[in-house]
């Protein structure tokens, strides 16, 4: 599944349909909670991760983040609002795909490793 039902998806598209720039915004925003392992490779947090949806860069935000770190959650949601980005509930997104008869996008719901 491309997202978990308890995630909020911030799409890199403004409310008027324009792509959000810079193109690596999702990685930058997700990087605020990333860590570096012993191997010096960055890993994204399980609570904030970049993803693609229909060739649009997105950020998946786990709703648990609001309880775990309310200030970071508020910062991320304010970022989306300030930049006029589309914000969708993953459950609503899944329902939208099912209702339209379109196949669900491929993808892992678990957080990816950064390159």
Protein backbone atom coordinates (compact mmCIF):
# COMPACT_ATOMS: atom_id res chain seq x y z
CA UNK A 1 0.00 0.00 0.00
CA UNK A 2 1.26 3.47 -0.85
CA UNK A 3 0.27 5.01 2.48
CA UNK A 4 -0.96 3.89 5.86
CA UNK A 5 -4.55 4.74 6.84
CA UNK A 6 -3.30 6.74 9.83
CA UNK A 7 -1.14 9.06 7.72
CA UNK A 8 -1.75 12.53 6.37
CA UNK A 9 -0.43 13.10 2.85
CA UNK A 10 0.93 16.53 1.91
CA UNK A 11 1.09 16.78 -1.87
CA UNK A 12 3.62 18.94 -3.69
CA UNK A 13 0.88 20.74 -5.59
CA UNK A 14 -0.68 24.06 -4.64
CA UNK A 15 -4.45 24.51 -4.45
CA UNK A 16 -4.37 26.07 -7.94
CA UNK A 17 -2.59 23.01 -9.39
CA UNK A 18 0.96 24.35 -9.66
CA UNK A 19 3.89 22.11 -8.72
CA UNK A 20 5.64 23.16 -5.53
CA UNK A 21 9.31 24.08 -5.80
CA UNK A 22 12.08 23.23 -5.11
CA UNK A 23 11.69 19.72 -6.48
CA UNK A 24 13.40 18.18 -3.42
CA UNK A 25 11.08 19.85 -0.92
CA UNK A 26 9.72 16.50 0.32
CA UNK A 27 13.18 15.19 1.18
CA UNK A 28 14.10 18.48 2.87
CA UNK A 29 10.95 18.54 4.99
CA UNK A 30 11.25 14.84 5.86
CA UNK A 31 14.87 15.41 6.77
CA UNK A 32 13.96 17.39 9.89
CA UNK A 33 13.39 14.12 11.76
CA UNK A 34 15.93 11.96 9.94
CA UNK A 35 18.88 10.29 11.66
CA UNK A 36 22.27 9.03 10.62
CA UNK A 37 23.22 5.46 11.47
CA UNK A 38 26.58 3.97 12.33
CA UNK A 39 27.13 3.47 8.59
CA UNK A 40 26.72 7.24 8.00
CA UNK A 41 23.53 6.69 5.97
CA UNK A 42 20.51 8.85 6.58
CA UNK A 43 17.25 7.16 7.57
CA UNK A 44 13.90 8.92 7.54
CA UNK A 45 11.75 8.86 10.63
CA UNK A 46 8.80 6.46 10.65
CA UNK A 47 6.64 9.54 11.36
CA UNK A 48 7.61 11.76 8.40
CA UNK A 49 8.72 10.35 5.05
CA UNK A 50 8.91 11.46 1.42
CA UNK A 51 6.91 9.55 -1.16
CA UNK A 52 5.62 9.75 -4.73
CA UNK A 53 1.95 9.61 -5.62
CA UNK A 54 0.92 9.80 -9.27
CA UNK A 55 4.33 11.33 -10.10
CA UNK A 56 3.87 14.05 -7.49
CA UNK A 57 6.34 14.46 -4.63
CA UNK A 58 4.57 14.12 -1.28
CA UNK A 59 5.26 13.82 2.42
CA UNK A 60 3.46 11.23 4.53
CA UNK A 61 2.98 12.33 8.14
CA UNK A 62 1.95 9.80 10.77
CA UNK A 63 -0.84 11.18 12.97
CA UNK A 64 0.97 9.80 16.03
CA UNK A 65 3.52 12.59 15.58
CA UNK A 66 0.97 15.07 16.92
CA UNK A 67 1.03 13.31 20.32
CA UNK A 68 4.74 12.46 20.28
CA UNK A 69 6.08 15.83 19.15
CA UNK A 70 3.28 18.42 18.82
CA UNK A 71 5.66 21.25 17.89
CA UNK A 72 7.12 19.38 14.92
CA UNK A 73 3.65 18.28 13.82
CA UNK A 74 2.42 21.88 14.03
CA UNK A 75 5.49 23.08 12.08
CA UNK A 76 4.86 20.58 9.27
CA UNK A 77 1.16 21.38 9.04
CA UNK A 78 1.91 25.14 9.10
CA UNK A 79 4.45 24.60 6.30
CA UNK A 80 1.73 22.96 4.20
CA UNK A 81 -0.75 25.74 4.94
CA UNK A 82 1.73 28.58 4.40
CA UNK A 83 2.72 27.14 1.02
CA UNK A 84 -0.88 26.41 -0.01
CA UNK A 85 -0.17 22.68 -0.46
CA UNK A 86 -2.89 20.06 -0.81
CA UNK A 87 -3.32 18.01 2.36
CA UNK A 88 -5.26 14.74 2.29
CA UNK A 89 -6.11 12.04 4.78
CA UNK A 90 -4.76 8.71 3.53
CA UNK A 91 -8.06 6.95 4.33
CA UNK A 92 -9.90 9.45 2.13
CA UNK A 93 -7.30 9.00 -0.59
CA UNK A 94 -7.66 5.21 -0.51
CA UNK A 95 -11.45 5.58 -0.60
CA UNK A 96 -11.17 7.94 -3.57
CA UNK A 97 -9.15 5.37 -5.52
CA UNK A 98 -11.54 2.56 -4.64
CA UNK A 99 -14.64 4.59 -5.57
CA UNK A 100 -13.17 5.61 -8.92
CA UNK A 101 -12.19 2.04 -9.78
CA UNK A 102 -8.57 3.05 -10.27
CA UNK A 103 -5.99 0.62 -8.95
CA UNK A 104 -4.18 1.71 -5.81
CA UNK A 105 -0.67 2.99 -6.54
CA UNK A 106 2.18 0.63 -5.82
CA UNK A 107 4.51 1.44 -2.99
CA UNK A 108 5.68 0.64 0.46
CA UNK A 109 4.01 2.23 3.43
CA UNK A 110 7.11 1.75 5.56
CA UNK A 111 9.68 4.54 5.67
CA UNK A 112 12.33 4.37 2.94
CA UNK A 113 16.05 4.65 3.51
CA UNK A 114 17.57 7.84 2.20
CA UNK A 115 20.19 7.55 -0.51
